[in-house]
Amino acid sequence: MAKQPAPSLTKRDLVVRISNETGLTQHQTFDVVQKTLDCIVEALEEGRNVEFRNFGVFEVMVRKSRIGRNPGRPEQTVTIPERKVVKFKPGKIMKQVVTGD
């Protein structure tokens, strides 16, 4: 029998946990978490990397255009245009904790 994946950690879960551990209200905690996420998105939108020491780095990369194929009709090719993507590279400590190395 296949192992069920662990449930996702949602923003709400994070807010409740931080609120319980800090004594801040959930509303105050939500505002701080949301503003943090907004600042990360704004920095990435400006083309800046976002680095959290020992956690990881978010950066915007440009994925080159390429030729794709329709699996149902392999003779038909489609040009997939160049686009920006967000890449996350985990920091040393995160990598060690998650992988157990």
Foldseek 3Di string as FASTA:
>chain_A
DDDDDDDDCDLLNVLVVVCVVPVNDSVVSSVVVVVVVVVCVVCQVVQHWDDDAQFWIKGKDKDAWDWDADVVHRVDIDIRHIDIDIDIDGGDNVCCVVVVD
